[in-house]
N, C-alpha and C. Protein backbone atom coordinates (compact mmCIF):
# COMPACT_ATOMS: atom_id res chain seq x y z
N MET A 1 149.30 31.58 174.80
CA MET A 1 150.00 32.11 173.66
C MET A 1 149.90 33.64 173.66
N GLN A 2 151.00 34.29 173.39
CA GLN A 2 150.99 35.75 173.34
C GLN A 2 150.27 36.21 172.08
N SER A 3 149.65 37.39 172.17
CA SER A 3 148.85 37.89 171.06
C SER A 3 149.70 38.22 169.83
N ASP A 4 151.01 38.44 169.99
CA ASP A 4 151.82 38.78 168.83
C ASP A 4 152.36 37.52 168.12
N GLN A 5 152.05 36.35 168.64
CA GLN A 5 152.47 35.12 168.00
C GLN A 5 151.36 34.62 167.08
N VAL A 6 151.78 34.01 166.00
CA VAL A 6 150.83 33.43 165.05
C VAL A 6 150.72 31.94 165.36
N SER A 7 149.49 31.44 165.46
CA SER A 7 149.30 30.04 165.77
C SER A 7 149.41 29.19 164.51
N LEU A 8 149.53 27.91 164.71
CA LEU A 8 149.57 26.96 163.61
C LEU A 8 148.28 27.04 162.80
N ILE A 9 147.15 27.13 163.47
CA ILE A 9 145.87 27.21 162.76
C ILE A 9 145.79 28.48 161.93
N ASP A 10 146.37 29.58 162.43
CA ASP A 10 146.42 30.83 161.65
C ASP A 10 147.16 30.59 160.34
N LYS A 11 148.32 29.96 160.41
CA LYS A 11 149.13 29.74 159.21
C LYS A 11 148.40 28.83 158.22
N MET A 12 147.72 27.82 158.73
CA MET A 12 147.01 26.91 157.82
C MET A 12 145.90 27.64 157.07
N PHE A 13 145.17 28.52 157.75
CA PHE A 13 144.10 29.23 157.07
C PHE A 13 144.61 30.42 156.27
N GLU A 14 145.76 30.96 156.62
CA GLU A 14 146.39 31.96 155.75
C GLU A 14 146.81 31.29 154.44
N TYR A 15 147.36 30.07 154.56
CA TYR A 15 147.71 29.30 153.37
C TYR A 15 146.47 29.04 152.52
N ASN A 16 145.39 28.61 153.14
CA ASN A 16 144.15 28.30 152.43
C ASN A 16 143.67 29.51 151.64
N LEU A 17 143.67 30.67 152.26
CA LEU A 17 143.24 31.90 151.59
C LEU A 17 144.19 32.23 150.43
N TRP A 18 145.49 32.14 150.67
CA TRP A 18 146.48 32.41 149.62
C TRP A 18 146.25 31.49 148.41
N ALA A 19 146.09 30.20 148.67
CA ALA A 19 145.92 29.24 147.58
C ALA A 19 144.65 29.52 146.78
N ASN A 20 143.56 29.83 147.46
CA ASN A 20 142.32 30.18 146.76
C ASN A 20 142.51 31.40 145.88
N LYS A 21 143.13 32.42 146.42
CA LYS A 21 143.33 33.66 145.67
C LYS A 21 144.23 33.44 144.46
N GLU A 22 145.29 32.66 144.63
CA GLU A 22 146.20 32.38 143.51
C GLU A 22 145.45 31.71 142.37
N LEU A 23 144.67 30.71 142.70
CA LEU A 23 143.97 29.94 141.67
C LEU A 23 142.83 30.74 141.04
N ILE A 24 142.07 31.46 141.83
CA ILE A 24 140.98 32.27 141.29
C ILE A 24 141.54 33.37 140.39
N THR A 25 142.63 33.98 140.80
CA THR A 25 143.24 35.04 139.99
C THR A 25 143.67 34.50 138.62
N LEU A 26 144.34 33.36 138.61
CA LEU A 26 144.75 32.76 137.34
C LEU A 26 143.53 32.41 136.48
N CYS A 27 142.55 31.76 137.08
CA CYS A 27 141.39 31.30 136.32
C CYS A 27 140.56 32.47 135.79
N GLY A 28 140.65 33.61 136.42
CA GLY A 28 139.95 34.79 135.95
C GLY A 28 140.50 35.31 134.63
N THR A 29 141.67 34.82 134.22
CA THR A 29 142.27 35.24 132.95
C THR A 29 141.94 34.29 131.80
N LEU A 30 141.23 33.20 132.08
CA LEU A 30 140.95 32.20 131.06
C LEU A 30 139.81 32.63 130.14
N SER A 31 139.80 32.08 128.96
CA SER A 31 138.74 32.37 128.00
C SER A 31 137.48 31.58 128.37
N ASP A 32 136.36 31.99 127.80
CA ASP A 32 135.10 31.27 128.02
C ASP A 32 135.21 29.83 127.54
N GLU A 33 135.93 29.61 126.44
CA GLU A 33 136.11 28.25 125.92
C GLU A 33 136.90 27.40 126.91
N GLN A 34 137.94 27.96 127.50
CA GLN A 34 138.73 27.21 128.48
C GLN A 34 137.89 26.91 129.73
N LEU A 35 137.10 27.88 130.15
CA LEU A 35 136.28 27.69 131.34
C LEU A 35 135.16 26.67 131.12
N ALA A 36 134.80 26.43 129.87
CA ALA A 36 133.72 25.50 129.56
C ALA A 36 134.18 24.04 129.47
N VAL A 37 135.46 23.80 129.55
CA VAL A 37 135.98 22.44 129.39
C VAL A 37 135.59 21.57 130.58
N ASP A 38 135.11 20.37 130.24
CA ASP A 38 134.81 19.34 131.24
C ASP A 38 135.90 18.29 131.19
N VAL A 39 136.35 17.87 132.33
CA VAL A 39 137.35 16.81 132.44
C VAL A 39 136.77 15.73 133.34
N GLU A 40 136.87 14.51 132.92
CA GLU A 40 136.33 13.40 133.71
C GLU A 40 137.11 13.25 135.02
N GLY A 41 136.38 12.91 136.07
CA GLY A 41 137.01 12.61 137.36
C GLY A 41 137.19 13.80 138.29
N VAL A 42 136.60 14.95 137.92
CA VAL A 42 136.68 16.12 138.80
C VAL A 42 135.26 16.58 139.14
N TYR A 43 135.17 17.51 140.06
CA TYR A 43 133.86 18.01 140.52
C TYR A 43 133.04 18.58 139.37
N GLY A 44 133.68 19.39 138.54
CA GLY A 44 132.97 20.04 137.43
C GLY A 44 133.91 20.99 136.71
N ARG A 45 133.32 21.88 135.92
CA ARG A 45 134.12 22.88 135.21
C ARG A 45 134.80 23.81 136.23
N ILE A 46 135.71 24.63 135.75
CA ILE A 46 136.55 25.45 136.63
C ILE A 46 135.73 26.43 137.46
N GLN A 47 134.93 27.27 136.82
CA GLN A 47 134.23 28.31 137.57
C GLN A 47 133.26 27.73 138.60
N PRO A 48 132.43 26.73 138.23
CA PRO A 48 131.57 26.15 139.26
C PRO A 48 132.33 25.50 140.42
N THR A 49 133.50 24.95 140.13
CA THR A 49 134.30 24.34 141.21
C THR A 49 134.83 25.41 142.14
N LEU A 50 135.31 26.51 141.59
CA LEU A 50 135.81 27.60 142.44
C LEU A 50 134.67 28.21 143.26
N VAL A 51 133.51 28.36 142.64
CA VAL A 51 132.34 28.85 143.38
C VAL A 51 132.01 27.88 144.51
N HIS A 52 132.06 26.59 144.22
CA HIS A 52 131.77 25.56 145.23
C HIS A 52 132.72 25.69 146.43
N ILE A 53 133.99 25.91 146.17
CA ILE A 53 134.96 26.07 147.26
C ILE A 53 134.57 27.24 148.15
N VAL A 54 134.31 28.38 147.54
CA VAL A 54 134.04 29.61 148.29
C VAL A 54 132.69 29.50 149.03
N ARG A 55 131.67 29.00 148.35
CA ARG A 55 130.36 28.84 149.01
C ARG A 55 130.46 27.88 150.19
N ALA A 56 131.21 26.81 150.02
CA ALA A 56 131.37 25.84 151.11
C ALA A 56 132.06 26.50 152.30
N GLU A 57 133.03 27.36 152.04
CA GLU A 57 133.69 28.07 153.14
C GLU A 57 132.68 28.91 153.91
N GLY A 58 131.76 29.54 153.18
CA GLY A 58 130.69 30.28 153.85
C GLY A 58 129.84 29.36 154.71
N GLY A 59 129.59 28.16 154.23
CA GLY A 59 128.83 27.17 155.00
C GLY A 59 129.57 26.71 156.25
N TYR A 60 130.88 26.50 156.13
CA TYR A 60 131.67 26.12 157.31
C TYR A 60 131.65 27.26 158.34
N LEU A 61 131.74 28.48 157.84
CA LEU A 61 131.67 29.63 158.76
C LEU A 61 130.33 29.69 159.47
N LYS A 62 129.26 29.40 158.76
CA LYS A 62 127.94 29.41 159.39
C LYS A 62 127.88 28.35 160.49
N ARG A 63 128.44 27.18 160.25
CA ARG A 63 128.47 26.14 161.28
C ARG A 63 129.26 26.60 162.51
N LEU A 64 130.34 27.34 162.27
CA LEU A 64 131.20 27.76 163.38
C LEU A 64 130.69 29.00 164.10
N THR A 65 130.02 29.89 163.38
CA THR A 65 129.63 31.18 163.97
C THR A 65 128.12 31.37 164.07
N GLY A 66 127.36 30.59 163.32
CA GLY A 66 125.90 30.75 163.30
C GLY A 66 125.43 31.87 162.39
N LYS A 67 126.34 32.49 161.64
CA LYS A 67 125.98 33.64 160.80
C LYS A 67 126.22 33.34 159.33
N ASP A 68 125.27 33.79 158.49
CA ASP A 68 125.46 33.71 157.04
C ASP A 68 126.40 34.81 156.61
N LEU A 69 127.30 34.47 155.71
CA LEU A 69 128.28 35.45 155.23
C LEU A 69 127.72 36.29 154.10
N TRP A 70 126.87 35.67 153.25
CA TRP A 70 126.36 36.37 152.08
C TRP A 70 124.84 36.25 152.01
N PRO A 71 124.22 37.18 151.30
CA PRO A 71 122.77 37.08 151.13
C PRO A 71 122.41 35.80 150.36
N SER A 72 121.30 35.21 150.70
CA SER A 72 120.89 33.96 150.05
C SER A 72 120.56 34.15 148.57
N GLU A 73 120.25 35.36 148.16
CA GLU A 73 119.89 35.60 146.76
C GLU A 73 121.10 35.86 145.86
N THR A 74 122.30 35.63 146.33
CA THR A 74 123.50 35.82 145.50
C THR A 74 123.42 34.93 144.26
N ASP A 75 123.68 35.52 143.10
CA ASP A 75 123.65 34.78 141.83
C ASP A 75 125.04 34.18 141.58
N TRP A 76 125.29 33.05 142.21
CA TRP A 76 126.61 32.41 142.14
C TRP A 76 126.96 31.94 140.74
N GLN A 77 125.98 31.55 139.95
CA GLN A 77 126.25 31.01 138.62
C GLN A 77 126.85 32.06 137.68
N ASN A 78 126.51 33.32 137.91
CA ASN A 78 126.97 34.39 137.03
C ASN A 78 127.93 35.36 137.73
N LEU A 79 128.52 34.92 138.80
CA LEU A 79 129.41 35.78 139.58
C LEU A 79 130.73 35.99 138.83
N PRO A 80 131.08 37.23 138.53
CA PRO A 80 132.37 37.48 137.87
C PRO A 80 133.54 37.07 138.78
N PHE A 81 134.67 36.77 138.17
CA PHE A 81 135.82 36.32 138.94
C PHE A 81 136.28 37.35 139.97
N GLU A 82 136.14 38.64 139.66
CA GLU A 82 136.54 39.67 140.62
C GLU A 82 135.68 39.57 141.88
N ALA A 83 134.38 39.35 141.70
CA ALA A 83 133.48 39.22 142.85
C ALA A 83 133.74 37.92 143.59
N LEU A 84 134.07 36.86 142.86
CA LEU A 84 134.41 35.59 143.50
C LEU A 84 135.67 35.74 144.33
N LEU A 85 136.64 36.49 143.81
CA LEU A 85 137.87 36.74 144.56
C LEU A 85 137.58 37.52 145.84
N GLU A 86 136.68 38.50 145.78
CA GLU A 86 136.27 39.25 146.98
C GLU A 86 135.62 38.33 148.01
N ARG A 87 134.76 37.44 147.54
CA ARG A 87 134.09 36.52 148.46
C ARG A 87 135.07 35.50 149.03
N ALA A 88 136.05 35.09 148.23
CA ALA A 88 137.10 34.20 148.75
C ALA A 88 137.89 34.90 149.86
N GLN A 89 138.14 36.19 149.69
CA GLN A 89 138.82 36.96 150.73
C GLN A 89 137.96 37.01 151.99
N GLN A 90 136.66 37.23 151.83
CA GLN A 90 135.76 37.29 152.98
C GLN A 90 135.69 35.94 153.71
N SER A 91 135.47 34.86 152.95
CA SER A 91 135.35 33.56 153.58
C SER A 91 136.67 33.10 154.16
N GLY A 92 137.76 33.34 153.44
CA GLY A 92 139.08 32.95 153.94
C GLY A 92 139.46 33.69 155.21
N SER A 93 139.21 34.99 155.23
CA SER A 93 139.50 35.78 156.43
C SER A 93 138.58 35.37 157.58
N GLY A 94 137.33 35.10 157.25
CA GLY A 94 136.39 34.66 158.29
C GLY A 94 136.79 33.33 158.89
N LEU A 95 137.23 32.39 158.04
CA LEU A 95 137.68 31.09 158.56
C LEU A 95 138.92 31.24 159.41
N LEU A 96 139.82 32.11 159.00
CA LEU A 96 141.03 32.36 159.78
C LEU A 96 140.67 32.83 161.19
N THR A 97 139.75 33.77 161.28
CA THR A 97 139.33 34.29 162.58
C THR A 97 138.56 33.24 163.38
N ALA A 98 137.60 32.60 162.73
CA ALA A 98 136.75 31.64 163.44
C ALA A 98 137.52 30.41 163.89
N ALA A 99 138.36 29.87 163.02
CA ALA A 99 139.09 28.64 163.36
C ALA A 99 140.05 28.86 164.52
N ALA A 100 140.63 30.04 164.58
CA ALA A 100 141.57 30.33 165.66
C ALA A 100 140.87 30.52 167.00
N ALA A 101 139.59 30.89 166.97
CA ALA A 101 138.88 31.23 168.20
C ALA A 101 137.89 30.16 168.68
N VAL A 102 137.55 29.21 167.83
CA VAL A 102 136.48 28.29 168.15
C VAL A 102 136.91 27.23 169.17
N ASP A 103 135.98 26.83 170.01
CA ASP A 103 136.20 25.73 170.94
C ASP A 103 136.09 24.44 170.14
N PRO A 104 137.15 23.63 170.05
CA PRO A 104 137.11 22.46 169.18
C PRO A 104 136.11 21.39 169.61
N GLU A 105 135.67 21.39 170.85
CA GLU A 105 134.82 20.32 171.35
C GLU A 105 133.33 20.59 171.26
N VAL A 106 132.92 21.80 170.95
CA VAL A 106 131.49 22.11 170.89
C VAL A 106 130.86 21.34 169.75
N ARG A 107 129.71 20.73 170.03
CA ARG A 107 128.98 19.98 169.01
C ARG A 107 127.93 20.86 168.36
N HIS A 108 127.71 20.61 167.09
CA HIS A 108 126.61 21.26 166.38
C HIS A 108 125.51 20.22 166.23
N GLU A 109 124.45 20.40 166.97
CA GLU A 109 123.33 19.47 166.94
C GLU A 109 122.38 19.85 165.81
N GLY A 110 121.34 19.07 165.65
CA GLY A 110 120.37 19.34 164.59
C GLY A 110 120.79 18.73 163.27
N GLU A 111 121.89 18.05 163.23
CA GLU A 111 122.35 17.38 162.04
C GLU A 111 121.96 15.90 162.15
N ILE A 112 122.13 15.17 161.08
CA ILE A 112 121.91 13.73 161.13
C ILE A 112 122.86 13.13 162.17
N MET A 113 124.05 13.67 162.23
CA MET A 113 125.01 13.29 163.26
C MET A 113 125.66 14.56 163.77
N PRO A 114 126.08 14.59 165.00
CA PRO A 114 126.70 15.82 165.51
C PRO A 114 128.10 16.02 164.91
N PHE A 115 128.45 17.26 164.68
CA PHE A 115 129.79 17.60 164.23
C PHE A 115 130.48 18.37 165.34
N TYR A 116 131.67 17.97 165.66
CA TYR A 116 132.50 18.77 166.54
C TYR A 116 133.12 19.89 165.72
N ASN A 117 133.39 21.01 166.35
CA ASN A 117 133.99 22.13 165.62
C ASN A 117 135.30 21.75 164.95
N TRP A 118 136.09 20.88 165.58
CA TRP A 118 137.37 20.53 164.96
C TRP A 118 137.15 19.82 163.63
N THR A 119 136.05 19.06 163.48
CA THR A 119 135.81 18.39 162.20
C THR A 119 135.43 19.40 161.13
N VAL A 120 134.72 20.45 161.50
CA VAL A 120 134.35 21.49 160.55
C VAL A 120 135.61 22.22 160.07
N VAL A 121 136.50 22.54 161.00
CA VAL A 121 137.75 23.23 160.66
C VAL A 121 138.61 22.35 159.77
N LEU A 122 138.75 21.09 160.12
CA LEU A 122 139.53 20.16 159.32
C LEU A 122 138.93 20.00 157.92
N GLN A 123 137.61 19.86 157.85
CA GLN A 123 136.94 19.71 156.55
C GLN A 123 137.15 20.94 155.69
N ALA A 124 137.13 22.12 156.28
CA ALA A 124 137.34 23.35 155.52
C ALA A 124 138.70 23.32 154.82
N LEU A 125 139.73 22.88 155.51
CA LEU A 125 141.06 22.79 154.89
C LEU A 125 141.10 21.71 153.82
N TYR A 126 140.62 20.52 154.16
CA TYR A 126 140.67 19.40 153.22
C TYR A 126 139.87 19.70 151.95
N HIS A 127 138.68 20.23 152.12
CA HIS A 127 137.79 20.50 150.99
C HIS A 127 138.45 21.43 149.98
N GLY A 128 139.06 22.50 150.46
CA GLY A 128 139.72 23.44 149.56
C GLY A 128 140.87 22.79 148.81
N ILE A 129 141.69 22.02 149.50
CA ILE A 129 142.83 21.36 148.86
C ILE A 129 142.34 20.39 147.78
N GLU A 130 141.32 19.61 148.12
CA GLU A 130 140.81 18.62 147.17
C GLU A 130 140.31 19.28 145.88
N HIS A 131 139.51 20.31 146.01
CA HIS A 131 138.94 20.93 144.81
C HIS A 131 139.94 21.81 144.07
N ARG A 132 140.88 22.44 144.76
CA ARG A 132 141.92 23.18 144.05
C ARG A 132 142.75 22.22 143.20
N THR A 133 143.01 21.03 143.73
CA THR A 133 143.74 20.02 142.98
C THR A 133 142.98 19.62 141.72
N GLN A 134 141.67 19.52 141.81
CA GLN A 134 140.85 19.18 140.65
C GLN A 134 140.91 20.29 139.59
N VAL A 135 140.89 21.54 140.03
CA VAL A 135 141.00 22.66 139.08
C VAL A 135 142.38 22.62 138.42
N LYS A 136 143.41 22.32 139.18
CA LYS A 136 144.75 22.21 138.60
C LYS A 136 144.80 21.09 137.56
N ARG A 137 144.07 20.01 137.80
CA ARG A 137 144.02 18.91 136.83
C ARG A 137 143.41 19.40 135.51
N ILE A 138 142.36 20.20 135.59
CA ILE A 138 141.74 20.74 134.38
C ILE A 138 142.73 21.66 133.66
N LEU A 139 143.41 22.50 134.42
CA LEU A 139 144.39 23.40 133.81
C LEU A 139 145.50 22.61 133.11
N THR A 140 145.95 21.54 133.73
CA THR A 140 146.97 20.69 133.11
C THR A 140 146.43 20.08 131.82
N HIS A 141 145.18 19.63 131.85
CA HIS A 141 144.52 19.08 130.66
C HIS A 141 144.50 20.11 129.53
N LEU A 142 144.31 21.37 129.88
CA LEU A 142 144.27 22.46 128.90
C LEU A 142 145.67 22.90 128.45
N GLY A 143 146.71 22.38 129.12
CA GLY A 143 148.07 22.79 128.79
C GLY A 143 148.44 24.13 129.40
N ILE A 144 147.75 24.51 130.46
CA ILE A 144 147.99 25.80 131.11
C ILE A 144 148.81 25.57 132.38
N ASP A 145 149.91 26.30 132.49
CA ASP A 145 150.70 26.22 133.72
C ASP A 145 149.87 26.76 134.86
N HIS A 146 149.76 25.99 135.92
CA HIS A 146 149.00 26.42 137.08
C HIS A 146 149.95 26.80 138.21
N PRO A 147 149.45 27.58 139.15
CA PRO A 147 150.32 27.93 140.29
C PRO A 147 150.61 26.70 141.13
N GLU A 148 151.80 26.63 141.63
CA GLU A 148 152.15 25.59 142.59
C GLU A 148 151.56 26.02 143.93
N LEU A 149 150.79 25.14 144.55
CA LEU A 149 150.03 25.53 145.74
C LEU A 149 150.37 24.69 146.97
N ALA A 150 151.53 24.06 146.97
CA ALA A 150 151.93 23.28 148.14
C ALA A 150 152.34 24.22 149.27
N GLY A 151 152.41 23.68 150.46
CA GLY A 151 152.83 24.47 151.61
C GLY A 151 154.19 25.12 151.40
N TRP A 152 155.08 24.39 150.72
CA TRP A 152 156.41 24.96 150.44
C TRP A 152 156.29 26.20 149.56
N ASP A 153 155.38 26.14 148.60
CA ASP A 153 155.20 27.27 147.69
C ASP A 153 154.65 28.49 148.43
N TYR A 154 153.79 28.24 149.41
CA TYR A 154 153.29 29.34 150.22
C TYR A 154 154.43 29.98 150.99
N LEU A 155 155.31 29.16 151.56
CA LEU A 155 156.47 29.69 152.28
C LEU A 155 157.33 30.55 151.37
N VAL A 156 157.60 30.07 150.15
CA VAL A 156 158.39 30.84 149.19
C VAL A 156 157.70 32.17 148.88
N SER A 157 156.37 32.15 148.72
CA SER A 157 155.64 33.38 148.42
C SER A 157 155.76 34.40 149.56
N LEU A 158 155.78 33.89 150.79
CA LEU A 158 155.95 34.79 151.94
C LEU A 158 157.33 35.42 151.95
N GLN A 159 158.32 34.66 151.57
CA GLN A 159 159.69 35.16 151.55
C GLN A 159 159.91 36.15 150.42
N GLN A 160 159.11 36.05 149.37
CA GLN A 160 159.24 36.96 148.22
C GLN A 160 158.46 38.24 148.40
N SER A 161 157.55 38.28 149.38
CA SER A 161 156.74 39.50 149.53
C SER A 161 157.29 40.40 150.60
């Protein structure tokens, strides 16, 4: 593949980063009361779920690169949305780079079961979609219009920018 071409994996992780940023940006405008709402059948409240998405991306990056993205003493529970958005940019950009370059067949040993790199990359995409959908469910419960985050919507956003 020529260096000026964008791979399919690049587009998937560009989408992942875009979707995270869209949702975090919207949720950063919510009131404390809205952020405190619990809805049955989802991971948790909005802010902890968004933190979970971003922290997990850092974990996937560590599996792929062997490097921690953030200091272990980060106070995730009290992280302002602006800082969460910055970390989403870091983890999303890191996944974009790592996923495009990683050998899919390398195993990560030391686990209860070995993980191939392709499973880590796939899980990173699936995990984000699953939890973003849960946050959208909470927003719907609150009567708040949420961003449309389907692949088609990402394409439209690219055409508008």
